[in-house]
Amino acid sequence: KGPAMWSPRAQSDRMLFSIKWREYLEENSN
């Protein structure tokens, strides 16, 4: 279809997803 309808989609490793989020949060000194 036209570019207005293009939509990226990704399967994630659900455990890695959670681990990486925690890393980002823990790295924030504020």
PDB file of all heavy atoms in Angstrom:
ATOM      1  N   LYS A   1       0.841  -1.194   0.000  1.00  0.00           N
ATOM      2  CA  LYS A   1       0.000   0.000   0.000  1.00  0.00           C
ATOM      3  C   LYS A   1       0.878   1.248   0.000  1.00  0.00           C
ATOM      4  O   LYS A   1       2.095   1.165  -0.081  1.00  0.00           O
ATOM      5  CB  LYS A   1      -0.934  -0.014   1.212  1.00  0.00           C
ATOM      6  CG  LYS A   1      -1.860  -1.221   1.249  1.00  0.00           C
ATOM      7  CD  LYS A   1      -2.768  -1.206   2.454  1.00  0.00           C
ATOM      8  CE  LYS A   1      -3.676  -2.435   2.471  1.00  0.00           C
ATOM      9  NZ  LYS A   1      -4.575  -2.454   3.647  1.00  0.00           N
ATOM     10  N   GLY A   2       0.245   2.414   0.112  1.00  0.00           N
ATOM     11  CA  GLY A   2       0.982   3.669   0.125  1.00  0.00           C
ATOM     12  C   GLY A   2       1.772   3.840   1.404  1.00  0.00           C
ATOM     13  O   GLY A   2       1.511   3.177   2.414  1.00  0.00           O
ATOM     14  N   PRO A   3       2.763   4.748   1.411  1.00  0.00           N
ATOM     15  CA  PRO A   3       3.665   4.900   2.565  1.00  0.00           C
ATOM     16  C   PRO A   3       2.964   5.335   3.844  1.00  0.00           C
ATOM     17  O   PRO A   3       3.506   5.119   4.934  1.00  0.00           O
ATOM     18  CB  PRO A   3       4.665   5.956   2.093  1.00  0.00           C
ATOM     19  CG  PRO A   3       3.985   6.677   0.985  1.00  0.00           C
ATOM     20  CD  PRO A   3       3.111   5.658   0.316  1.00  0.00           C
ATOM     21  N   ALA A   4       1.780   5.951   3.750  1.00  0.00           N
ATOM     22  CA  ALA A   4       1.056   6.327   4.963  1.00  0.00           C
ATOM     23  C   ALA A   4       0.618   5.100   5.748  1.00  0.00           C
ATOM     24  O   ALA A   4       0.349   5.185   6.944  1.00  0.00           O
ATOM     25  CB  ALA A   4      -0.163   7.182   4.605  1.00  0.00           C
ATOM     26  N   MET A   5       0.554   3.948   5.061  1.00  0.00           N
ATOM     27  CA  MET A   5       0.080   2.729   5.704  1.00  0.00           C
ATOM     28  C   MET A   5       1.229   1.813   6.143  1.00  0.00           C
ATOM     29  O   MET A   5       0.986   0.833   6.840  1.00  0.00           O
ATOM     30  CB  MET A   5      -0.838   1.958   4.746  1.00  0.00           C
ATOM     31  CG  MET A   5      -2.029   2.761   4.243  1.00  0.00           C
ATOM     32  SD  MET A   5      -3.124   3.262   5.576  1.00  0.00           S
ATOM     33  CE  MET A   5      -3.841   1.686   6.010  1.00  0.00           C
ATOM     34  N   TRP A   6       2.451   2.110   5.714  1.00  0.00           N
ATOM     35  CA  TRP A   6       3.569   1.257   6.122  1.00  0.00           C
ATOM     36  C   TRP A   6       3.737   1.326   7.633  1.00  0.00           C
ATOM     37  O   TRP A   6       3.747   2.402   8.231  1.00  0.00           O
ATOM     38  CB  TRP A   6       4.864   1.708   5.460  1.00  0.00           C
ATOM     39  CG  TRP A   6       4.849   1.639   3.964  1.00  0.00           C
ATOM     40  CD1 TRP A   6       3.891   1.094   3.164  1.00  0.00           C
ATOM     41  CD2 TRP A   6       5.849   2.147   3.079  1.00  0.00           C
ATOM     42  NE1 TRP A   6       4.224   1.232   1.845  1.00  0.00           N
ATOM     43  CE2 TRP A   6       5.422   1.879   1.762  1.00  0.00           C
ATOM     44  CE3 TRP A   6       7.061   2.806   3.269  1.00  0.00           C
ATOM     45  CZ2 TRP A   6       6.168   2.246   0.644  1.00  0.00           C
ATOM     46  CZ3 TRP A   6       7.806   3.168   2.169  1.00  0.00           C
ATOM     47  CH2 TRP A   6       7.372   2.888   0.865  1.00  0.00           C
ATOM     48  N   SER A   7       3.878   0.150   8.241  1.00  0.00           N
ATOM     49  CA  SER A   7       3.978   0.102   9.700  1.00  0.00           C
ATOM     50  C   SER A   7       4.997  -0.947  10.122  1.00  0.00           C
ATOM     51  O   SER A   7       4.816  -2.134   9.825  1.00  0.00           O
ATOM     52  CB  SER A   7       2.616  -0.232  10.330  1.00  0.00           C
ATOM     53  OG  SER A   7       1.632   0.699   9.954  1.00  0.00           O
ATOM     54  N   PRO A   8       6.064  -0.559  10.813  1.00  0.00           N
ATOM     55  CA  PRO A   8       7.027  -1.549  11.281  1.00  0.00           C
ATOM     56  C   PRO A   8       6.472  -2.362  12.452  1.00  0.00           C
ATOM     57  O   PRO A   8       5.709  -1.857  13.272  1.00  0.00           O
ATOM     58  CB  PRO A   8       8.222  -0.702  11.719  1.00  0.00           C
ATOM     59  CG  PRO A   8       7.635   0.636  12.054  1.00  0.00           C
ATOM     60  CD  PRO A   8       6.450   0.815  11.164  1.00  0.00           C
ATOM     61  N   ARG A   9       6.865  -3.639  12.492  1.00  0.00           N
ATOM     62  CA  ARG A   9       6.451  -4.512  13.597  1.00  0.00           C
ATOM     63  C   ARG A   9       7.605  -5.448  13.925  1.00  0.00           C
ATOM     64  O   ARG A   9       8.275  -5.951  13.026  1.00  0.00           O
ATOM     65  CB  ARG A   9       5.209  -5.326  13.227  1.00  0.00           C
ATOM     66  CG  ARG A   9       4.661  -6.170  14.393  1.00  0.00           C
ATOM     67  CD  ARG A   9       3.427  -6.961  13.953  1.00  0.00           C
ATOM     68  NE  ARG A   9       2.759  -7.576  15.082  1.00  0.00           N
ATOM     69  CZ  ARG A   9       3.051  -8.781  15.581  1.00  0.00           C
ATOM     70  NH1 ARG A   9       4.041  -9.486  15.033  1.00  0.00           N
ATOM     71  NH2 ARG A   9       2.385  -9.282  16.601  1.00  0.00           N
ATOM     72  N   ALA A  10       7.829  -5.683  15.189  1.00  0.00           N
ATOM     73  CA  ALA A  10       8.937  -6.529  15.618  1.00  0.00           C
ATOM     74  C   ALA A  10       8.489  -7.514  16.679  1.00  0.00           C
ATOM     75  O   ALA A  10       7.725  -7.162  17.583  1.00  0.00           O
ATOM     76  CB  ALA A  10      10.081  -5.680  16.160  1.00  0.00           C
ATOM     77  N   GLN A  11       8.948  -8.758  16.549  1.00  0.00           N
ATOM     78  CA  GLN A  11       8.859  -9.716  17.654  1.00  0.00           C
ATOM     79  C   GLN A  11      10.056  -9.477  18.556  1.00  0.00           C
ATOM     80  O   GLN A  11      11.172  -9.238  18.062  1.00  0.00           O
ATOM     81  CB  GLN A  11       8.897 -11.146  17.127  1.00  0.00           C
ATOM     82  CG  GLN A  11       7.735 -11.544  16.233  1.00  0.00           C
ATOM     83  CD  GLN A  11       6.425 -11.630  16.970  1.00  0.00           C
ATOM     84  OE1 GLN A  11       5.389 -11.219  16.451  1.00  0.00           O
ATOM     85  NE2 GLN A  11       6.441 -12.132  18.190  1.00  0.00           N
ATOM     86  N   SER A  12       9.844  -9.531  19.847  1.00  0.00           N
ATOM     87  CA  SER A  12      10.933  -9.318  20.803  1.00  0.00           C
ATOM     88  C   SER A  12      11.131 -10.531  21.694  1.00  0.00           C
ATOM     89  O   SER A  12      10.204 -11.324  21.908  1.00  0.00           O
ATOM     90  CB  SER A  12      10.623  -8.101  21.686  1.00  0.00           C
ATOM     91  OG  SER A  12      10.834  -6.894  20.995  1.00  0.00           O
ATOM     92  N   ASP A  13      12.336 -10.672  22.177  1.00  0.00           N
ATOM     93  CA  ASP A  13      12.603 -11.602  23.263  1.00  0.00           C
ATOM     94  C   ASP A  13      12.093 -10.919  24.531  1.00  0.00           C
ATOM     95  O   ASP A  13      12.682  -9.945  25.001  1.00  0.00           O
ATOM     96  CB  ASP A  13      14.108 -11.877  23.349  1.00  0.00           C
ATOM     97  CG  ASP A  13      14.467 -12.910  24.404  1.00  0.00           C
ATOM     98  OD1 ASP A  13      13.978 -12.775  25.549  1.00  0.00           O
ATOM     99  OD2 ASP A  13      15.242 -13.831  24.106  1.00  0.00           O
ATOM    100  N   ARG A  14      11.008 -11.433  25.084  1.00  0.00           N
ATOM    101  CA  ARG A  14      10.330 -10.728  26.166  1.00  0.00           C
ATOM    102  C   ARG A  14      11.190 -10.602  27.428  1.00  0.00           C
ATOM    103  O   ARG A  14      11.065  -9.632  28.181  1.00  0.00           O
ATOM    104  CB  ARG A  14       8.991 -11.377  26.505  1.00  0.00           C
ATOM    105  CG  ARG A  14       9.068 -12.824  26.890  1.00  0.00           C
ATOM    106  CD  ARG A  14       7.680 -13.460  26.993  1.00  0.00           C
ATOM    107  NE  ARG A  14       6.921 -12.899  28.080  1.00  0.00           N
ATOM    108  CZ  ARG A  14       6.921 -13.415  29.311  1.00  0.00           C
ATOM    109  NH1 ARG A  14       7.661 -14.470  29.594  1.00  0.00           N
ATOM    110  NH2 ARG A  14       6.192 -12.882  30.253  1.00  0.00           N
ATOM    111  N   MET A  15      12.069 -11.550  27.647  1.00  0.00           N
ATOM    112  CA  MET A  15      12.940 -11.459  28.823  1.00  0.00           C
ATOM    113  C   MET A  15      14.044 -10.418  28.616  1.00  0.00           C
ATOM    114  O   MET A  15      14.333  -9.621  29.502  1.00  0.00           O
ATOM    115  CB  MET A  15      13.526 -12.840  29.135  1.00  0.00           C
ATOM    116  CG  MET A  15      12.483 -13.795  29.702  1.00  0.00           C
ATOM    117  SD  MET A  15      13.058 -15.497  29.905  1.00  0.00           S
ATOM    118  CE  MET A  15      12.909 -16.114  28.232  1.00  0.00           C
ATOM    119  N   LEU A  16      14.638 -10.407  27.411  1.00  0.00           N
ATOM    120  CA  LEU A  16      15.646  -9.395  27.103  1.00  0.00           C
ATOM    121  C   LEU A  16      15.041  -7.995  27.127  1.00  0.00           C
ATOM    122  O   LEU A  16      15.689  -7.034  27.532  1.00  0.00           O
ATOM    123  CB  LEU A  16      16.266  -9.663  25.730  1.00  0.00           C
ATOM    124  CG  LEU A  16      17.278 -10.809  25.622  1.00  0.00           C
ATOM    125  CD1 LEU A  16      17.764 -10.929  24.180  1.00  0.00           C
ATOM    126  CD2 LEU A  16      18.451 -10.592  26.560  1.00  0.00           C
ATOM    127  N   PHE A  17      13.794  -7.886  26.674  1.00  0.00           N
ATOM    128  CA  PHE A  17      13.099  -6.598  26.661  1.00  0.00           C
ATOM    129  C   PHE A  17      13.033  -6.011  28.070  1.00  0.00           C
ATOM    130  O   PHE A  17      13.362  -4.842  28.297  1.00  0.00           O
ATOM    131  CB  PHE A  17      11.688  -6.791  26.093  1.00  0.00           C
ATOM    132  CG  PHE A  17      10.962  -5.515  25.769  1.00  0.00           C
ATOM    133  CD1 PHE A  17      10.989  -4.990  24.487  1.00  0.00           C
ATOM    134  CD2 PHE A  17      10.237  -4.840  26.742  1.00  0.00           C
ATOM    135  CE1 PHE A  17      10.313  -3.812  24.178  1.00  0.00           C
ATOM    136  CE2 PHE A  17       9.558  -3.666  26.451  1.00  0.00           C
ATOM    137  CZ  PHE A  17       9.601  -3.157  25.165  1.00  0.00           C
ATOM    138  N   SER A  18      12.622  -6.824  29.021  1.00  0.00           N
ATOM    139  CA  SER A  18      12.508  -6.370  30.405  1.00  0.00           C
ATOM    140  C   SER A  18      13.878  -6.071  31.016  1.00  0.00           C
ATOM    141  O   SER A  18      14.059  -5.066  31.719  1.00  0.00           O
ATOM    142  CB  SER A  18      11.779  -7.428  31.236  1.00  0.00           C
ATOM    143  OG  SER A  18      11.619  -7.018  32.569  1.00  0.00           O
ATOM    144  N   ILE A  19      14.848  -6.925  30.724  1.00  0.00           N
ATOM    145  CA  ILE A  19      16.201  -6.736  31.271  1.00  0.00           C
ATOM    146  C   ILE A  19      16.798  -5.424  30.776  1.00  0.00           C
ATOM    147  O   ILE A  19      17.402  -4.658  31.550  1.00  0.00           O
ATOM    148  CB  ILE A  19      17.103  -7.926  30.886  1.00  0.00           C
ATOM    149  CG1 ILE A  19      16.677  -9.186  31.661  1.00  0.00           C
ATOM    150  CG2 ILE A  19      18.572  -7.609  31.154  1.00  0.00           C
ATOM    151  CD1 ILE A  19      17.321 -10.462  31.155  1.00  0.00           C
ATOM    152  N   LYS A  20      16.657  -5.143  29.474  1.00  0.00           N
ATOM    153  CA  LYS A  20      17.238  -3.927  28.917  1.00  0.00           C
ATOM    154  C   LYS A  20      16.571  -2.687  29.492  1.00  0.00           C
ATOM    155  O   LYS A  20      17.241  -1.684  29.768  1.00  0.00           O
ATOM    156  CB  LYS A  20      17.125  -3.937  27.390  1.00  0.00           C
ATOM    157  CG  LYS A  20      17.908  -2.810  26.708  1.00  0.00           C
ATOM    158  CD  LYS A  20      19.397  -2.924  26.998  1.00  0.00           C
ATOM    159  CE  LYS A  20      20.198  -1.852  26.300  1.00  0.00           C
ATOM    160  NZ  LYS A  20      21.646  -1.935  26.626  1.00  0.00           N
ATOM    161  N   TRP A  21      15.246  -2.737  29.667  1.00  0.00           N
ATOM    162  CA  TRP A  21      14.555  -1.596  30.266  1.00  0.00           C
ATOM    163  C   TRP A  21      15.100  -1.312  31.672  1.00  0.00           C
ATOM    164  O   TRP A  21      15.337  -0.162  32.042  1.00  0.00           O
ATOM    165  CB  TRP A  21      13.056  -1.841  30.329  1.00  0.00           C
ATOM    166  CG  TRP A  21      12.272  -0.964  29.415  1.00  0.00           C
ATOM    167  CD1 TRP A  21      11.461  -1.344  28.390  1.00  0.00           C
ATOM    168  CD2 TRP A  21      12.202   0.477  29.445  1.00  0.00           C
ATOM    169  NE1 TRP A  21      10.903  -0.239  27.769  1.00  0.00           N
ATOM    170  CE2 TRP A  21      11.344   0.888  28.402  1.00  0.00           C
ATOM    171  CE3 TRP A  21      12.786   1.452  30.242  1.00  0.00           C
ATOM    172  CZ2 TRP A  21      11.051   2.228  28.148  1.00  0.00           C
ATOM    173  CZ3 TRP A  21      12.506   2.793  29.995  1.00  0.00           C
ATOM    174  CH2 TRP A  21      11.654   3.171  28.958  1.00  0.00           C
ATOM    175  N   ARG A  22      15.301  -2.370  32.447  1.00  0.00           N
ATOM    176  CA  ARG A  22      15.820  -2.166  33.804  1.00  0.00           C
ATOM    177  C   ARG A  22      17.224  -1.567  33.756  1.00  0.00           C
ATOM    178  O   ARG A  22      17.572  -0.701  34.575  1.00  0.00           O
ATOM    179  CB  ARG A  22      15.824  -3.477  34.585  1.00  0.00           C
ATOM    180  CG  ARG A  22      16.362  -3.294  35.999  1.00  0.00           C
ATOM    181  CD  ARG A  22      16.021  -4.443  36.907  1.00  0.00           C
ATOM    182  NE  ARG A  22      16.624  -4.246  38.225  1.00  0.00           N
ATOM    183  CZ  ARG A  22      16.350  -4.975  39.293  1.00  0.00           C
ATOM    184  NH1 ARG A  22      15.470  -5.955  39.198  1.00  0.00           N
ATOM    185  NH2 ARG A  22      16.937  -4.744  40.444  1.00  0.00           N
ATOM    186  N   GLU A  23      18.040  -1.988  32.786  1.00  0.00           N
ATOM    187  CA  GLU A  23      19.381  -1.418  32.650  1.00  0.00           C
ATOM    188  C   GLU A  23      19.312   0.085  32.419  1.00  0.00           C
ATOM    189  O   GLU A  23      20.040   0.864  33.052  1.00  0.00           O
ATOM    190  CB  GLU A  23      20.121  -2.081  31.482  1.00  0.00           C
ATOM    191  CG  GLU A  23      20.654  -3.462  31.783  1.00  0.00           C
ATOM    192  CD  GLU A  23      21.422  -4.034  30.606  1.00  0.00           C
ATOM    193  OE1 GLU A  23      21.752  -3.264  29.670  1.00  0.00           O
ATOM    194  OE2 GLU A  23      21.685  -5.251  30.609  1.00  0.00           O
ATOM    195  N   TYR A  24      18.449   0.501  31.512  1.00  0.00           N
ATOM    196  CA  TYR A  24      18.315   1.934  31.238  1.00  0.00           C
ATOM    197  C   TYR A  24      17.894   2.698  32.490  1.00  0.00           C
ATOM    198  O   TYR A  24      18.428   3.771  32.804  1.00  0.00           O
ATOM    199  CB  TYR A  24      17.285   2.169  30.128  1.00  0.00           C
ATOM    200  CG  TYR A  24      17.828   1.999  28.727  1.00  0.00           C
ATOM    201  CD1 TYR A  24      17.185   1.171  27.811  1.00  0.00           C
ATOM    202  CD2 TYR A  24      18.961   2.682  28.306  1.00  0.00           C
ATOM    203  CE1 TYR A  24      17.666   1.025  26.518  1.00  0.00           C
ATOM    204  CE2 TYR A  24      19.451   2.535  27.016  1.00  0.00           C
ATOM    205  CZ  TYR A  24      18.803   1.709  26.127  1.00  0.00           C
ATOM    206  OH  TYR A  24      19.286   1.569  24.845  1.00  0.00           O
ATOM    207  N   LEU A  25      16.928   2.153  33.221  1.00  0.00           N
ATOM    208  CA  LEU A  25      16.445   2.830  34.423  1.00  0.00           C
ATOM    209  C   LEU A  25      17.534   2.928  35.489  1.00  0.00           C
ATOM    210  O   LEU A  25      17.697   3.963  36.141  1.00  0.00           O
ATOM    211  CB  LEU A  25      15.222   2.094  34.978  1.00  0.00           C
ATOM    212  CG  LEU A  25      13.951   2.150  34.111  1.00  0.00           C
ATOM    213  CD1 LEU A  25      12.952   1.094  34.542  1.00  0.00           C
ATOM    214  CD2 LEU A  25      13.314   3.533  34.178  1.00  0.00           C
ATOM    215  N   GLU A  26      18.268   1.845  35.671  1.00  0.00           N
ATOM    216  CA  GLU A  26      19.305   1.830  36.714  1.00  0.00           C
ATOM    217  C   GLU A  26      20.486   2.730  36.357  1.00  0.00           C
ATOM    218  O   GLU A  26      21.208   3.188  37.250  1.00  0.00           O
ATOM    219  CB  GLU A  26      19.789   0.396  36.937  1.00  0.00           C
ATOM    220  CG  GLU A  26      18.750  -0.490  37.622  1.00  0.00           C
ATOM    221  CD  GLU A  26      19.260  -1.899  37.875  1.00  0.00           C
ATOM    222  OE1 GLU A  26      20.299  -2.273  37.270  1.00  0.00           O
ATOM    223  OE2 GLU A  26      18.633  -2.620  38.665  1.00  0.00           O
ATOM    224  N   GLU A  27      20.705   2.983  35.068  1.00  0.00           N
ATOM    225  CA  GLU A  27      21.811   3.844  34.648  1.00  0.00           C
ATOM    226  C   GLU A  27      21.511   5.323  34.859  1.00  0.00           C
ATOM    227  O   GLU A  27      22.416   6.157  34.785  1.00  0.00           O
ATOM    228  CB  GLU A  27      22.131   3.598  33.166  1.00  0.00           C
ATOM    229  CG  GLU A  27      22.787   2.247  32.886  1.00  0.00           C
ATOM    230  CD  GLU A  27      22.829   1.933  31.402  1.00  0.00           C
ATOM    231  OE1 GLU A  27      22.321   2.754  30.595  1.00  0.00           O
ATOM    232  OE2 GLU A  27      23.365   0.876  31.046  1.00  0.00           O
ATOM    233  N   ASN A  28      20.241   5.668  35.127  1.00  0.00           N
ATOM    234  CA  ASN A  28      19.849   7.071  35.246  1.00  0.00           C
ATOM    235  C   ASN A  28      20.071   7.547  36.687  1.00  0.00           C
ATOM    236  O   ASN A  28      19.392   7.106  37.615  1.00  0.00           O
ATOM    237  CB  ASN A  28      18.381   7.235  34.849  1.00  0.00           C
ATOM    238  CG  ASN A  28      18.023   8.680  34.552  1.00  0.00           C
ATOM    239  OD1 ASN A  28      18.380   9.579  35.309  1.00  0.00           O
ATOM    240  ND2 ASN A  28      17.315   8.907  33.461  1.00  0.00           N
ATOM    241  N   SER A  29      20.997   8.468  36.863  1.00  0.00           N
ATOM    242  CA  SER A  29      21.370   8.918  38.209  1.00  0.00           C
ATOM    243  C   SER A  29      20.288   9.759  38.880  1.00  0.00           C
ATOM    244  O   SER A  29      20.317   9.953  40.097  1.00  0.00           O
ATOM    245  CB  SER A  29      22.678   9.723  38.147  1.00  0.00           C
ATOM    246  OG  SER A  29      22.521  10.854  37.298  1.00  0.00           O
ATOM    247  N   ASN A  30      19.316  10.257  38.111  1.00  0.00           N
ATOM    248  CA  ASN A  30      18.216  11.043  38.692  1.00  0.00           C
ATOM    249  C   ASN A  30      17.034  10.183  39.119  1.00  0.00           C
ATOM    250  O   ASN A  30      16.012  10.713  39.551  1.00  0.00           O
ATOM    251  CB  ASN A  30      17.711  12.081  37.676  1.00  0.00           C
ATOM    252  CG  ASN A  30      18.614  13.284  37.581  1.00  0.00           C
ATOM    253  OD1 ASN A  30      19.367  13.580  38.503  1.00  0.00           O
ATOM    254  ND2 ASN A  30      18.564  13.976  36.460  1.00  0.00           N
TER     255      ASN A  30
END
